[in-house]
Amino acid sequence: MIRVSVMYPNKPGSHFDITYYCTKHIPMVRELVGPALLRVDVEEGISGATPDSPAAFLAVGHLSFESVDAFQKAFAPHAAQIRGDVPNYTNSPPSIQISNVKI
């Protein structure tokens, strides 16, 4: 299994609408990519290593797929629509990482 992590950096002036992300964006992604998407987890950053330090990321979305190929086949036809929705919930350009899930 692979995980696509979409991480939204917490920088001065950045904003993130977690409600929109969870109730509009993620359901849209689920519908568009279909059954290739095995699991979704969403994290909202609340702090850094100490309670009084800012979180490194405003939010992180984790999308699980069977393989990189399965992800690419499911995502590519809808990439423009999915990316086009980003300004509706944030002004923080995401960093994306694809990882093998080991445990």
N, C-alpha and C. Protein backbone atom coordinates (compact mmCIF):
# COMPACT_ATOMS: atom_id res chain seq x y z
N MET A 1 0.84 -1.17 0.00
CA MET A 1 0.00 0.00 0.00
C MET A 1 0.89 1.24 0.00
N ILE A 2 0.40 2.30 -0.67
CA ILE A 2 1.11 3.57 -0.65
C ILE A 2 0.20 4.63 -0.03
N ARG A 3 0.84 5.68 0.46
CA ARG A 3 0.10 6.79 1.03
C ARG A 3 0.56 8.07 0.34
N VAL A 4 -0.40 8.84 -0.12
CA VAL A 4 -0.13 10.16 -0.68
C VAL A 4 -0.45 11.16 0.42
N SER A 5 0.57 11.84 0.90
CA SER A 5 0.39 12.84 1.96
C SER A 5 0.43 14.23 1.33
N VAL A 6 -0.63 14.99 1.57
CA VAL A 6 -0.74 16.35 1.05
C VAL A 6 -0.66 17.27 2.27
N MET A 7 0.47 17.97 2.38
CA MET A 7 0.79 18.73 3.58
C MET A 7 0.74 20.22 3.29
N TYR A 8 -0.03 20.95 4.08
CA TYR A 8 -0.23 22.37 3.88
C TYR A 8 0.57 23.15 4.92
N PRO A 9 1.72 23.75 4.52
CA PRO A 9 2.59 24.44 5.48
C PRO A 9 1.90 25.60 6.19
N ASN A 10 2.25 25.74 7.46
CA ASN A 10 1.74 26.82 8.29
C ASN A 10 2.74 27.97 8.24
N LYS A 11 2.47 28.93 7.38
CA LYS A 11 3.35 30.09 7.24
C LYS A 11 2.56 31.35 7.59
N PRO A 12 3.24 32.42 7.98
CA PRO A 12 2.53 33.66 8.30
C PRO A 12 1.59 34.07 7.16
N GLY A 13 0.36 34.41 7.51
CA GLY A 13 -0.62 34.83 6.52
C GLY A 13 -1.40 33.70 5.88
N SER A 14 -1.04 32.46 6.21
CA SER A 14 -1.75 31.31 5.63
C SER A 14 -3.06 31.07 6.37
N HIS A 15 -4.03 30.56 5.62
CA HIS A 15 -5.30 30.17 6.25
C HIS A 15 -5.72 28.82 5.68
N PHE A 16 -6.56 28.13 6.43
CA PHE A 16 -7.03 26.81 6.01
C PHE A 16 -8.42 26.60 6.60
N ASP A 17 -9.40 26.31 5.73
CA ASP A 17 -10.77 26.06 6.15
C ASP A 17 -10.96 24.54 6.29
N ILE A 18 -10.74 24.03 7.48
CA ILE A 18 -10.80 22.59 7.72
C ILE A 18 -12.21 22.04 7.51
N THR A 19 -13.22 22.85 7.79
CA THR A 19 -14.60 22.40 7.58
C THR A 19 -14.86 22.17 6.10
N TYR A 20 -14.47 23.11 5.27
CA TYR A 20 -14.65 22.95 3.82
C TYR A 20 -13.86 21.73 3.34
N TYR A 21 -12.63 21.61 3.80
CA TYR A 21 -11.77 20.51 3.37
C TYR A 21 -12.42 19.16 3.67
N CYS A 22 -12.95 19.02 4.88
CA CYS A 22 -13.53 17.74 5.30
C CYS A 22 -14.93 17.48 4.74
N THR A 23 -15.71 18.53 4.52
CA THR A 23 -17.09 18.31 4.08
C THR A 23 -17.31 18.50 2.59
N LYS A 24 -16.39 19.17 1.89
CA LYS A 24 -16.56 19.40 0.45
C LYS A 24 -15.42 18.79 -0.37
N HIS A 25 -14.18 19.16 -0.02
CA HIS A 25 -13.05 18.74 -0.85
C HIS A 25 -12.82 17.22 -0.80
N ILE A 26 -12.69 16.68 0.39
CA ILE A 26 -12.42 15.24 0.51
C ILE A 26 -13.56 14.41 -0.09
N PRO A 27 -14.83 14.71 0.16
CA PRO A 27 -15.89 13.95 -0.50
C PRO A 27 -15.81 14.03 -2.03
N MET A 28 -15.43 15.20 -2.57
CA MET A 28 -15.26 15.33 -4.01
C MET A 28 -14.14 14.41 -4.51
N VAL A 29 -13.02 14.41 -3.79
CA VAL A 29 -11.90 13.55 -4.17
C VAL A 29 -12.33 12.09 -4.13
N ARG A 30 -13.02 11.68 -3.08
CA ARG A 30 -13.51 10.29 -2.97
C ARG A 30 -14.36 9.91 -4.17
N GLU A 31 -15.28 10.80 -4.52
CA GLU A 31 -16.19 10.51 -5.64
C GLU A 31 -15.43 10.42 -6.96
N LEU A 32 -14.50 11.34 -7.19
CA LEU A 32 -13.79 11.37 -8.46
C LEU A 32 -12.84 10.19 -8.64
N VAL A 33 -12.07 9.86 -7.62
CA VAL A 33 -11.08 8.77 -7.79
C VAL A 33 -11.67 7.40 -7.56
N GLY A 34 -12.84 7.34 -6.94
CA GLY A 34 -13.56 6.07 -6.82
C GLY A 34 -12.90 5.06 -5.90
N PRO A 35 -13.15 3.78 -6.17
CA PRO A 35 -12.73 2.71 -5.26
C PRO A 35 -11.21 2.51 -5.18
N ALA A 36 -10.46 3.15 -6.04
CA ALA A 36 -8.99 3.06 -5.93
C ALA A 36 -8.51 3.70 -4.63
N LEU A 37 -9.29 4.65 -4.12
CA LEU A 37 -8.95 5.31 -2.85
C LEU A 37 -9.42 4.42 -1.71
N LEU A 38 -8.46 3.83 -1.02
CA LEU A 38 -8.77 2.85 0.02
C LEU A 38 -9.09 3.47 1.37
N ARG A 39 -8.46 4.61 1.65
CA ARG A 39 -8.61 5.22 2.98
C ARG A 39 -8.20 6.68 2.90
N VAL A 40 -8.86 7.50 3.72
CA VAL A 40 -8.49 8.91 3.86
C VAL A 40 -8.40 9.22 5.34
N ASP A 41 -7.35 9.92 5.71
CA ASP A 41 -7.19 10.45 7.06
C ASP A 41 -6.85 11.92 6.93
N VAL A 42 -7.44 12.75 7.77
CA VAL A 42 -7.17 14.18 7.76
C VAL A 42 -6.70 14.58 9.15
N GLU A 43 -5.60 15.31 9.19
CA GLU A 43 -5.05 15.84 10.43
C GLU A 43 -5.10 17.36 10.38
N GLU A 44 -5.50 17.98 11.48
CA GLU A 44 -5.46 19.43 11.61
C GLU A 44 -4.36 19.77 12.61
N GLY A 45 -3.38 20.55 12.18
CA GLY A 45 -2.27 20.92 13.06
C GLY A 45 -2.73 21.78 14.21
N ILE A 46 -2.26 21.43 15.42
CA ILE A 46 -2.63 22.23 16.58
C ILE A 46 -1.42 22.82 17.31
N SER A 47 -0.25 22.19 17.19
CA SER A 47 0.95 22.78 17.78
C SER A 47 2.18 22.05 17.26
N GLY A 48 3.33 22.62 17.59
CA GLY A 48 4.58 21.98 17.29
C GLY A 48 4.97 21.05 18.43
N ALA A 49 6.25 20.86 18.63
CA ALA A 49 6.75 19.93 19.65
C ALA A 49 6.37 20.36 21.07
N THR A 50 6.20 21.66 21.27
CA THR A 50 5.76 22.15 22.57
C THR A 50 4.40 22.81 22.40
N PRO A 51 3.57 22.77 23.42
CA PRO A 51 2.20 23.29 23.29
C PRO A 51 2.10 24.75 22.83
N ASP A 52 3.11 25.55 23.10
CA ASP A 52 3.04 26.97 22.74
C ASP A 52 3.70 27.28 21.40
N SER A 53 4.16 26.26 20.67
CA SER A 53 4.78 26.50 19.37
C SER A 53 3.78 26.20 18.25
N PRO A 54 3.90 26.91 17.13
CA PRO A 54 2.94 26.69 16.04
C PRO A 54 3.17 25.34 15.35
N ALA A 55 2.09 24.78 14.86
CA ALA A 55 2.18 23.54 14.08
C ALA A 55 2.94 23.81 12.80
N ALA A 56 3.71 22.84 12.34
CA ALA A 56 4.45 22.98 11.09
C ALA A 56 3.50 23.01 9.89
N PHE A 57 2.37 22.32 10.03
CA PHE A 57 1.40 22.24 8.95
C PHE A 57 0.02 22.62 9.46
N LEU A 58 -0.72 23.38 8.65
CA LEU A 58 -2.10 23.72 8.99
C LEU A 58 -2.96 22.47 8.99
N ALA A 59 -2.71 21.60 8.01
CA ALA A 59 -3.44 20.35 7.87
C ALA A 59 -2.63 19.40 7.00
N VAL A 60 -2.93 18.11 7.14
CA VAL A 60 -2.32 17.08 6.31
C VAL A 60 -3.42 16.10 5.92
N GLY A 61 -3.53 15.85 4.63
CA GLY A 61 -4.45 14.83 4.14
C GLY A 61 -3.67 13.62 3.70
N HIS A 62 -4.08 12.44 4.15
CA HIS A 62 -3.41 11.18 3.77
C HIS A 62 -4.40 10.36 2.96
N LEU A 63 -3.99 10.00 1.75
CA LEU A 63 -4.84 9.19 0.86
C LEU A 63 -4.11 7.89 0.58
N SER A 64 -4.76 6.77 0.85
CA SER A 64 -4.12 5.46 0.68
C SER A 64 -4.64 4.76 -0.58
N PHE A 65 -3.70 4.18 -1.32
CA PHE A 65 -3.98 3.45 -2.55
C PHE A 65 -3.18 2.16 -2.53
N GLU A 66 -3.57 1.21 -3.34
CA GLU A 66 -2.86 -0.07 -3.42
C GLU A 66 -1.45 0.10 -3.98
N SER A 67 -1.28 1.03 -4.94
CA SER A 67 0.03 1.21 -5.57
C SER A 67 0.11 2.61 -6.18
N VAL A 68 1.32 3.00 -6.56
CA VAL A 68 1.50 4.28 -7.23
C VAL A 68 0.72 4.28 -8.55
N ASP A 69 0.76 3.16 -9.26
CA ASP A 69 0.04 3.05 -10.51
C ASP A 69 -1.46 3.25 -10.30
N ALA A 70 -2.02 2.62 -9.28
CA ALA A 70 -3.45 2.78 -8.99
C ALA A 70 -3.77 4.24 -8.68
N PHE A 71 -2.91 4.91 -7.93
CA PHE A 71 -3.10 6.33 -7.63
C PHE A 71 -3.08 7.15 -8.90
N GLN A 72 -2.05 6.95 -9.73
CA GLN A 72 -1.91 7.76 -10.93
C GLN A 72 -3.08 7.56 -11.88
N LYS A 73 -3.53 6.34 -12.06
CA LYS A 73 -4.66 6.06 -12.96
C LYS A 73 -5.96 6.69 -12.44
N ALA A 74 -6.16 6.68 -11.14
CA ALA A 74 -7.39 7.22 -10.56
C ALA A 74 -7.35 8.75 -10.48
N PHE A 75 -6.19 9.31 -10.19
CA PHE A 75 -6.08 10.74 -9.94
C PHE A 75 -5.90 11.56 -11.22
N ALA A 76 -5.07 11.10 -12.13
CA ALA A 76 -4.70 11.89 -13.31
C ALA A 76 -5.88 12.45 -14.09
N PRO A 77 -6.93 11.68 -14.35
CA PRO A 77 -8.04 12.25 -15.14
C PRO A 77 -8.78 13.39 -14.43
N HIS A 78 -8.59 13.53 -13.14
CA HIS A 78 -9.32 14.52 -12.35
C HIS A 78 -8.40 15.55 -11.69
N ALA A 79 -7.12 15.51 -12.01
CA ALA A 79 -6.14 16.35 -11.33
C ALA A 79 -6.48 17.83 -11.42
N ALA A 80 -6.87 18.31 -12.59
CA ALA A 80 -7.16 19.73 -12.74
C ALA A 80 -8.35 20.15 -11.88
N GLN A 81 -9.38 19.33 -11.82
CA GLN A 81 -10.55 19.66 -11.01
C GLN A 81 -10.21 19.64 -9.53
N ILE A 82 -9.45 18.66 -9.10
CA ILE A 82 -9.08 18.55 -7.69
C ILE A 82 -8.18 19.72 -7.29
N ARG A 83 -7.18 20.01 -8.10
CA ARG A 83 -6.29 21.13 -7.79
C ARG A 83 -7.02 22.47 -7.87
N GLY A 84 -7.98 22.56 -8.76
CA GLY A 84 -8.74 23.79 -8.92
C GLY A 84 -9.58 24.14 -7.70
N ASP A 85 -9.87 23.17 -6.86
CA ASP A 85 -10.66 23.41 -5.66
C ASP A 85 -9.82 23.95 -4.50
N VAL A 86 -8.52 23.83 -4.57
CA VAL A 86 -7.64 24.21 -3.46
C VAL A 86 -7.87 25.65 -2.99
N PRO A 87 -8.00 26.64 -3.88
CA PRO A 87 -8.21 28.02 -3.40
C PRO A 87 -9.50 28.20 -2.60
N ASN A 88 -10.41 27.25 -2.67
CA ASN A 88 -11.64 27.35 -1.89
C ASN A 88 -11.43 27.10 -0.41
N TYR A 89 -10.28 26.50 -0.04
CA TYR A 89 -10.07 26.23 1.38
C TYR A 89 -8.72 26.68 1.92
N THR A 90 -7.77 27.05 1.05
CA THR A 90 -6.48 27.50 1.59
C THR A 90 -5.72 28.35 0.58
N ASN A 91 -4.79 29.13 1.10
CA ASN A 91 -3.84 29.86 0.28
C ASN A 91 -2.43 29.31 0.49
N SER A 92 -2.34 28.16 1.12
CA SER A 92 -1.05 27.52 1.43
C SER A 92 -0.76 26.44 0.38
N PRO A 93 0.19 26.67 -0.52
CA PRO A 93 0.51 25.65 -1.52
C PRO A 93 1.00 24.36 -0.85
N PRO A 94 0.39 23.23 -1.18
CA PRO A 94 0.76 22.00 -0.49
C PRO A 94 2.06 21.39 -0.98
N SER A 95 2.70 20.67 -0.08
CA SER A 95 3.80 19.77 -0.42
C SER A 95 3.21 18.37 -0.47
N ILE A 96 3.64 17.58 -1.44
CA ILE A 96 3.08 16.24 -1.60
C ILE A 96 4.20 15.22 -1.53
N GLN A 97 3.92 14.16 -0.78
CA GLN A 97 4.88 13.05 -0.68
C GLN A 97 4.13 11.74 -0.87
N ILE A 98 4.72 10.84 -1.64
CA ILE A 98 4.18 9.49 -1.81
C ILE A 98 5.12 8.55 -1.07
N SER A 99 4.53 7.73 -0.21
CA SER A 99 5.34 6.84 0.65
C SER A 99 4.82 5.41 0.59
N ASN A 100 5.72 4.46 0.77
CA ASN A 100 5.32 3.08 1.01
C ASN A 100 4.90 2.97 2.48
N VAL A 101 3.78 2.32 2.74
CA VAL A 101 3.33 2.12 4.10
C VAL A 101 3.92 0.79 4.58
N LYS A 102 4.67 0.80 5.65
CA LYS A 102 5.35 -0.40 6.13
C LYS A 102 4.62 -1.09 7.27
N ILE A 103 4.01 -0.33 8.17
CA ILE A 103 3.26 -0.94 9.27
C ILE A 103 2.00 -0.15 9.54
